[in-house]
């Protein structure tokens, strides 16, 4: 499967770091930051997730492999959805209006008109073939 090739393999140390970091991020975001920001009660479930992930990370890091693979698959799926969406929003709400505005004002980014009589606009290189052997 293509997604399996994109997910890197982790050893004991990598899985240990994954478990501890993921548990810490869940606690910081959902156990501390969001309850403080939204003025809500402090939930217990992020601390339970930290205890489970942290405990497995310390005692048996290989037991976190299915959790790691599931999390990475979710990340790959989320990136396939969010990346085109965010780039499309940026293009249509930022770049396109700027281009239309510049075109309406008569700006020409090429700063020269198109000449049909020219065979090529390519600038020929003047460097000798051996000049790139030792560039520094």
N, C-alpha and C. Protein backbone atom coordinates (compact mmCIF):
# COMPACT_ATOMS: atom_id res chain seq x y z
N UNK A 1 0.85 -1.18 0.00
CA UNK A 1 0.00 0.00 0.00
C UNK A 1 0.88 1.23 0.00
N UNK A 2 0.46 2.28 -0.67
CA UNK A 2 1.28 3.48 -0.82
C UNK A 2 1.49 4.18 0.51
N UNK A 3 0.44 4.25 1.36
CA UNK A 3 0.60 4.94 2.63
C UNK A 3 1.58 4.24 3.55
N UNK A 4 1.67 2.91 3.44
CA UNK A 4 2.62 2.17 4.26
C UNK A 4 4.06 2.56 3.92
N UNK A 5 4.32 2.89 2.67
CA UNK A 5 5.67 3.28 2.26
C UNK A 5 6.02 4.66 2.79
N UNK A 6 5.02 5.52 3.02
CA UNK A 6 5.26 6.87 3.49
C UNK A 6 5.45 6.95 5.00
N UNK A 7 5.03 5.92 5.73
CA UNK A 7 5.14 5.92 7.19
C UNK A 7 6.50 5.36 7.57
N UNK A 8 7.36 6.18 8.20
CA UNK A 8 8.68 5.68 8.57
C UNK A 8 8.60 4.68 9.72
N UNK A 9 9.52 3.74 9.71
CA UNK A 9 9.61 2.75 10.80
C UNK A 9 10.29 3.41 12.01
N UNK A 10 9.81 3.10 13.19
CA UNK A 10 10.42 3.63 14.41
C UNK A 10 10.94 2.48 15.27
N UNK A 11 12.07 2.73 15.94
CA UNK A 11 12.62 1.75 16.86
C UNK A 11 12.05 2.01 18.26
N UNK A 12 12.60 1.34 19.27
CA UNK A 12 12.12 1.51 20.65
C UNK A 12 12.16 2.97 21.08
N UNK A 13 13.28 3.62 20.82
CA UNK A 13 13.45 5.01 21.24
C UNK A 13 12.45 5.93 20.52
N UNK A 14 12.25 5.71 19.23
CA UNK A 14 11.31 6.54 18.48
C UNK A 14 9.88 6.36 18.95
N UNK A 15 9.48 5.11 19.21
CA UNK A 15 8.14 4.87 19.73
C UNK A 15 7.97 5.43 21.14
N UNK A 16 9.03 5.37 21.93
CA UNK A 16 8.98 5.96 23.27
C UNK A 16 8.76 7.47 23.19
N UNK A 17 9.53 8.12 22.30
CA UNK A 17 9.36 9.57 22.11
C UNK A 17 7.96 9.90 21.59
N UNK A 18 7.47 9.08 20.65
CA UNK A 18 6.12 9.30 20.11
C UNK A 18 5.07 9.24 21.22
N UNK A 19 5.13 8.21 22.05
CA UNK A 19 4.15 8.06 23.13
C UNK A 19 4.19 9.20 24.12
N UNK A 20 5.39 9.57 24.54
CA UNK A 20 5.52 10.65 25.53
C UNK A 20 5.12 12.00 24.92
N UNK A 21 5.55 12.27 23.69
CA UNK A 21 5.22 13.55 23.06
C UNK A 21 3.73 13.66 22.76
N UNK A 22 3.13 12.60 22.24
CA UNK A 22 1.70 12.64 21.92
C UNK A 22 0.87 12.81 23.19
N UNK A 23 1.22 12.08 24.23
CA UNK A 23 0.51 12.23 25.49
C UNK A 23 0.65 13.64 26.06
N UNK A 24 1.84 14.20 25.99
CA UNK A 24 2.06 15.55 26.50
C UNK A 24 1.28 16.58 25.69
N UNK A 25 1.24 16.42 24.38
CA UNK A 25 0.51 17.37 23.54
C UNK A 25 -0.98 17.30 23.83
N UNK A 26 -1.52 16.10 24.00
CA UNK A 26 -2.95 15.95 24.32
C UNK A 26 -3.26 16.64 25.64
N UNK A 27 -2.40 16.47 26.64
CA UNK A 27 -2.64 17.09 27.95
C UNK A 27 -2.54 18.61 27.85
N UNK A 28 -1.51 19.11 27.18
CA UNK A 28 -1.33 20.56 27.09
C UNK A 28 -2.50 21.20 26.34
N UNK A 29 -2.90 20.61 25.21
CA UNK A 29 -3.98 21.20 24.42
C UNK A 29 -5.35 21.02 25.07
N UNK A 30 -5.73 19.76 25.31
CA UNK A 30 -7.09 19.47 25.74
C UNK A 30 -7.28 19.44 27.25
N UNK A 31 -6.20 19.31 28.00
CA UNK A 31 -6.33 19.28 29.46
C UNK A 31 -6.03 20.62 30.11
N UNK A 32 -5.27 21.47 29.43
CA UNK A 32 -4.88 22.75 30.04
C UNK A 32 -5.31 23.96 29.20
N UNK A 33 -4.90 24.00 27.93
CA UNK A 33 -5.09 25.21 27.13
C UNK A 33 -6.57 25.49 26.80
N UNK A 34 -7.25 24.52 26.18
CA UNK A 34 -8.64 24.75 25.80
C UNK A 34 -9.56 24.96 26.99
N UNK A 35 -9.45 24.20 28.08
CA UNK A 35 -10.29 24.51 29.24
C UNK A 35 -10.02 25.92 29.80
N UNK A 36 -8.76 26.33 29.81
CA UNK A 36 -8.44 27.68 30.29
C UNK A 36 -8.98 28.73 29.34
N UNK A 37 -8.82 28.51 28.02
CA UNK A 37 -9.26 29.48 27.01
C UNK A 37 -10.78 29.61 27.00
N UNK A 38 -11.49 28.50 27.11
CA UNK A 38 -12.95 28.50 27.03
C UNK A 38 -13.62 28.60 28.40
N UNK A 39 -12.82 28.75 29.45
CA UNK A 39 -13.31 28.86 30.82
C UNK A 39 -14.21 27.68 31.19
N UNK A 40 -13.68 26.49 30.98
CA UNK A 40 -14.39 25.24 31.26
C UNK A 40 -13.70 24.51 32.41
N UNK A 41 -14.37 23.46 32.89
CA UNK A 41 -13.78 22.63 33.94
C UNK A 41 -12.62 21.82 33.36
N UNK A 42 -11.66 21.47 34.20
CA UNK A 42 -10.51 20.71 33.75
C UNK A 42 -10.91 19.26 33.55
N UNK A 43 -10.85 18.74 32.32
CA UNK A 43 -11.28 17.36 32.07
C UNK A 43 -10.25 16.35 32.55
N UNK A 44 -10.73 15.14 32.81
CA UNK A 44 -9.86 14.07 33.28
C UNK A 44 -9.30 13.23 32.14
N UNK A 45 -10.02 13.12 31.01
CA UNK A 45 -9.65 12.20 29.94
C UNK A 45 -8.27 12.47 29.33
N UNK A 46 -7.80 13.74 29.18
CA UNK A 46 -6.44 13.91 28.62
C UNK A 46 -5.37 13.33 29.53
N UNK A 47 -5.58 13.39 30.83
CA UNK A 47 -4.61 12.85 31.77
C UNK A 47 -4.59 11.32 31.72
N UNK A 48 -5.76 10.72 31.45
CA UNK A 48 -5.81 9.26 31.29
C UNK A 48 -5.05 8.85 30.03
N UNK A 49 -5.24 9.61 28.94
CA UNK A 49 -4.50 9.32 27.70
C UNK A 49 -3.00 9.44 27.93
N UNK A 50 -2.58 10.48 28.67
CA UNK A 50 -1.16 10.64 28.99
C UNK A 50 -0.66 9.46 29.82
N UNK A 51 -1.44 9.02 30.78
CA UNK A 51 -1.02 7.89 31.62
C UNK A 51 -0.87 6.62 30.79
N UNK A 52 -1.82 6.36 29.88
CA UNK A 52 -1.75 5.15 29.06
C UNK A 52 -0.58 5.24 28.09
N UNK A 53 -0.50 6.34 27.32
CA UNK A 53 0.59 6.48 26.34
C UNK A 53 1.95 6.55 27.01
N UNK A 54 2.04 7.32 28.09
CA UNK A 54 3.31 7.44 28.79
C UNK A 54 3.73 6.14 29.44
N UNK A 55 2.76 5.43 30.03
CA UNK A 55 3.08 4.14 30.65
C UNK A 55 3.56 3.12 29.62
N UNK A 56 2.85 3.04 28.49
CA UNK A 56 3.29 2.12 27.44
C UNK A 56 4.63 2.55 26.85
N UNK A 57 4.85 3.85 26.73
CA UNK A 57 6.12 4.33 26.17
C UNK A 57 7.29 3.94 27.05
N UNK A 58 7.09 3.96 28.35
CA UNK A 58 8.18 3.63 29.27
C UNK A 58 8.34 2.12 29.43
N UNK A 59 7.23 1.41 29.55
CA UNK A 59 7.29 -0.03 29.85
C UNK A 59 7.44 -0.87 28.59
N UNK A 60 6.58 -0.64 27.59
CA UNK A 60 6.58 -1.47 26.38
C UNK A 60 6.37 -0.60 25.14
N UNK A 61 7.42 0.04 24.65
CA UNK A 61 7.25 0.95 23.51
C UNK A 61 6.74 0.28 22.24
N UNK A 62 7.05 -1.01 22.04
CA UNK A 62 6.57 -1.69 20.83
C UNK A 62 5.05 -1.83 20.81
N UNK A 63 4.40 -1.75 21.96
CA UNK A 63 2.94 -1.83 22.01
C UNK A 63 2.30 -0.58 21.40
N UNK A 64 3.07 0.49 21.23
CA UNK A 64 2.56 1.72 20.64
C UNK A 64 2.61 1.72 19.12
N UNK A 65 3.14 0.67 18.51
CA UNK A 65 3.26 0.64 17.04
C UNK A 65 1.91 0.77 16.34
N UNK A 66 0.84 0.04 16.76
CA UNK A 66 -0.46 0.24 16.09
C UNK A 66 -1.01 1.65 16.26
N UNK A 67 -0.79 2.23 17.44
CA UNK A 67 -1.25 3.60 17.68
C UNK A 67 -0.49 4.57 16.77
N UNK A 68 0.81 4.37 16.66
CA UNK A 68 1.65 5.21 15.80
C UNK A 68 1.21 5.09 14.34
N UNK A 69 1.01 3.87 13.86
CA UNK A 69 0.59 3.67 12.46
C UNK A 69 -0.77 4.30 12.20
N UNK A 70 -1.71 4.14 13.12
CA UNK A 70 -3.03 4.76 12.97
C UNK A 70 -2.95 6.28 12.95
N UNK A 71 -2.13 6.83 13.83
CA UNK A 71 -1.96 8.28 13.88
C UNK A 71 -1.33 8.81 12.59
N UNK A 72 -0.34 8.10 12.07
CA UNK A 72 0.31 8.52 10.84
C UNK A 72 -0.64 8.40 9.65
N UNK A 73 -1.46 7.34 9.60
CA UNK A 73 -2.45 7.21 8.52
C UNK A 73 -3.45 8.36 8.58
N UNK A 74 -3.88 8.70 9.78
CA UNK A 74 -4.79 9.84 9.94
C UNK A 74 -4.13 11.13 9.45
N UNK A 75 -2.86 11.31 9.78
CA UNK A 75 -2.15 12.51 9.34
C UNK A 75 -2.02 12.58 7.83
N UNK A 76 -1.74 11.44 7.19
CA UNK A 76 -1.65 11.42 5.74
C UNK A 76 -3.00 11.72 5.09
N UNK A 77 -4.06 11.16 5.63
CA UNK A 77 -5.39 11.42 5.10
C UNK A 77 -5.77 12.89 5.30
N UNK A 78 -5.51 13.42 6.48
CA UNK A 78 -5.83 14.82 6.75
C UNK A 78 -5.05 15.76 5.83
N UNK A 79 -3.80 15.41 5.54
CA UNK A 79 -3.01 16.28 4.66
C UNK A 79 -3.52 16.24 3.23
N UNK A 80 -4.07 15.10 2.79
CA UNK A 80 -4.63 15.01 1.44
C UNK A 80 -5.88 15.88 1.31
N UNK A 81 -6.56 16.14 2.41
CA UNK A 81 -7.77 16.95 2.39
C UNK A 81 -7.44 18.42 2.62
N UNK A 82 -6.66 18.70 3.65
CA UNK A 82 -6.45 20.09 4.05
C UNK A 82 -5.48 20.85 3.14
N UNK A 83 -4.47 20.19 2.61
CA UNK A 83 -3.49 20.90 1.79
C UNK A 83 -4.13 21.51 0.55
N UNK A 84 -4.87 20.75 -0.28
CA UNK A 84 -5.50 21.40 -1.43
C UNK A 84 -6.54 22.45 -1.02
N UNK A 85 -7.22 22.21 0.09
CA UNK A 85 -8.23 23.16 0.54
C UNK A 85 -7.59 24.49 0.94
N UNK A 86 -6.55 24.43 1.75
CA UNK A 86 -5.88 25.65 2.21
C UNK A 86 -5.21 26.37 1.04
N UNK A 87 -4.53 25.62 0.18
CA UNK A 87 -3.88 26.26 -0.97
C UNK A 87 -4.90 26.86 -1.93
N UNK A 88 -6.03 26.21 -2.11
CA UNK A 88 -7.09 26.77 -2.95
C UNK A 88 -7.66 28.05 -2.38
N UNK A 89 -7.88 28.06 -1.06
CA UNK A 89 -8.39 29.27 -0.41
C UNK A 89 -7.39 30.40 -0.56
N UNK A 90 -6.12 30.13 -0.33
CA UNK A 90 -5.09 31.17 -0.48
C UNK A 90 -5.05 31.68 -1.91
N UNK A 91 -5.12 30.77 -2.88
CA UNK A 91 -5.05 31.19 -4.28
C UNK A 91 -6.23 32.06 -4.66
N UNK A 92 -7.45 31.60 -4.35
CA UNK A 92 -8.63 32.32 -4.81
C UNK A 92 -8.96 33.56 -3.99
N UNK A 93 -8.54 33.62 -2.74
CA UNK A 93 -8.84 34.78 -1.91
C UNK A 93 -7.70 35.79 -1.82
N UNK A 94 -6.48 35.38 -2.19
CA UNK A 94 -5.34 36.29 -2.05
C UNK A 94 -4.65 36.55 -3.38
N UNK A 95 -4.19 35.50 -4.03
CA UNK A 95 -3.38 35.68 -5.23
C UNK A 95 -4.22 36.15 -6.41
N UNK A 96 -5.37 35.53 -6.64
CA UNK A 96 -6.20 35.93 -7.78
C UNK A 96 -6.67 37.38 -7.70
N UNK A 97 -7.18 37.87 -6.57
CA UNK A 97 -7.57 39.29 -6.52
C UNK A 97 -6.40 40.25 -6.75
N UNK A 98 -5.24 39.90 -6.24
CA UNK A 98 -4.07 40.76 -6.46
C UNK A 98 -3.72 40.78 -7.95
N UNK A 99 -3.76 39.62 -8.61
CA UNK A 99 -3.45 39.55 -10.04
C UNK A 99 -4.48 40.33 -10.85
N UNK A 100 -5.75 40.20 -10.52
CA UNK A 100 -6.78 40.94 -11.24
C UNK A 100 -6.64 42.44 -11.03
N UNK A 101 -6.31 42.85 -9.81
CA UNK A 101 -6.11 44.26 -9.51
C UNK A 101 -4.92 44.82 -10.30
N UNK A 102 -3.82 44.07 -10.32
CA UNK A 102 -2.63 44.53 -11.06
C UNK A 102 -2.91 44.58 -12.56
N UNK A 103 -3.65 43.61 -13.07
CA UNK A 103 -4.00 43.61 -14.49
C UNK A 103 -4.92 44.78 -14.83
N UNK A 104 -5.85 45.11 -13.92
CA UNK A 104 -6.76 46.23 -14.16
C UNK A 104 -6.01 47.56 -14.17
N UNK A 105 -4.91 47.65 -13.40
CA UNK A 105 -4.11 48.87 -13.39
C UNK A 105 -3.10 48.92 -14.52
N UNK A 106 -2.98 47.85 -15.29
CA UNK A 106 -2.10 47.84 -16.45
C UNK A 106 -0.67 47.44 -16.18
N UNK A 107 -0.42 46.78 -15.05
CA UNK A 107 0.94 46.32 -14.76
C UNK A 107 1.30 45.14 -15.65
N UNK A 108 2.54 45.13 -16.14
CA UNK A 108 3.05 44.03 -16.94
C UNK A 108 4.29 43.49 -16.24
N UNK A 109 4.17 42.35 -15.62
CA UNK A 109 5.30 41.78 -14.86
C UNK A 109 6.46 41.39 -15.76
N UNK A 110 6.20 41.15 -17.04
CA UNK A 110 7.29 40.80 -17.95
C UNK A 110 8.10 42.05 -18.34
N UNK A 111 7.50 43.22 -18.21
CA UNK A 111 8.13 44.50 -18.53
C UNK A 111 8.59 44.60 -19.98
N UNK A 112 8.02 43.79 -20.83
CA UNK A 112 8.32 43.88 -22.26
C UNK A 112 7.19 43.20 -23.02
N UNK A 113 6.89 43.70 -24.17
CA UNK A 113 5.83 43.06 -24.96
C UNK A 113 6.34 41.80 -25.63
N UNK A 114 5.43 40.96 -26.02
CA UNK A 114 5.77 39.74 -26.73
C UNK A 114 6.15 40.08 -28.16
N UNK A 115 7.29 39.59 -28.61
CA UNK A 115 7.78 39.85 -29.97
C UNK A 115 7.74 38.54 -30.75
N UNK A 116 6.86 38.47 -31.74
CA UNK A 116 6.71 37.24 -32.52
C UNK A 116 7.90 36.99 -33.44
N UNK A 117 8.71 38.01 -33.72
CA UNK A 117 9.85 37.84 -34.61
C UNK A 117 11.06 37.22 -33.94
N UNK A 118 11.08 37.10 -32.64
CA UNK A 118 12.22 36.56 -31.92
C UNK A 118 12.10 35.03 -31.91
N UNK A 119 13.20 34.34 -32.23
CA UNK A 119 13.18 32.88 -32.24
C UNK A 119 13.07 32.31 -30.83
N UNK A 120 13.76 32.93 -29.85
CA UNK A 120 13.75 32.43 -28.48
C UNK A 120 14.08 33.56 -27.52
N UNK A 121 13.45 33.53 -26.37
CA UNK A 121 13.77 34.51 -25.33
C UNK A 121 14.83 33.97 -24.37
N UNK A 122 15.33 32.79 -24.61
CA UNK A 122 16.32 32.17 -23.73
C UNK A 122 17.64 32.91 -23.83
N UNK A 123 18.23 33.19 -22.69
CA UNK A 123 19.53 33.86 -22.65
C UNK A 123 20.60 32.78 -22.65
N UNK A 124 21.48 32.82 -23.61
CA UNK A 124 22.52 31.81 -23.74
C UNK A 124 23.55 31.97 -22.63
N UNK A 125 24.01 30.86 -22.10
CA UNK A 125 25.02 30.86 -21.05
C UNK A 125 26.38 31.22 -21.64
N UNK A 126 27.12 32.05 -20.92
CA UNK A 126 28.44 32.46 -21.40
C UNK A 126 29.56 31.76 -20.62
N UNK A 127 29.20 30.84 -19.73
CA UNK A 127 30.23 30.17 -18.95
C UNK A 127 30.84 29.03 -19.75
N UNK A 128 32.09 28.73 -19.41
CA UNK A 128 32.78 27.65 -20.09
C UNK A 128 32.40 26.32 -19.43
N UNK A 129 32.49 25.22 -20.16
CA UNK A 129 32.06 23.93 -19.61
C UNK A 129 32.80 23.52 -18.34
N UNK A 130 34.05 23.85 -18.18
CA UNK A 130 34.81 23.45 -17.01
C UNK A 130 34.68 24.39 -15.83
N UNK A 131 33.93 25.47 -15.95
CA UNK A 131 33.88 26.45 -14.87
C UNK A 131 33.07 25.99 -13.66
N UNK A 132 32.26 24.96 -13.78
CA UNK A 132 31.46 24.48 -12.67
C UNK A 132 32.10 23.32 -11.91
N UNK A 133 33.30 22.92 -12.31
CA UNK A 133 33.95 21.82 -11.61
C UNK A 133 34.34 22.20 -10.19
N UNK A 134 34.79 23.43 -9.98
CA UNK A 134 35.16 23.91 -8.65
C UNK A 134 34.48 25.25 -8.43
N UNK A 135 33.21 25.25 -8.04
CA UNK A 135 32.49 26.52 -7.94
C UNK A 135 32.92 27.40 -6.76
N UNK A 136 33.57 26.79 -5.74
CA UNK A 136 33.96 27.59 -4.58
C UNK A 136 35.44 27.53 -4.34
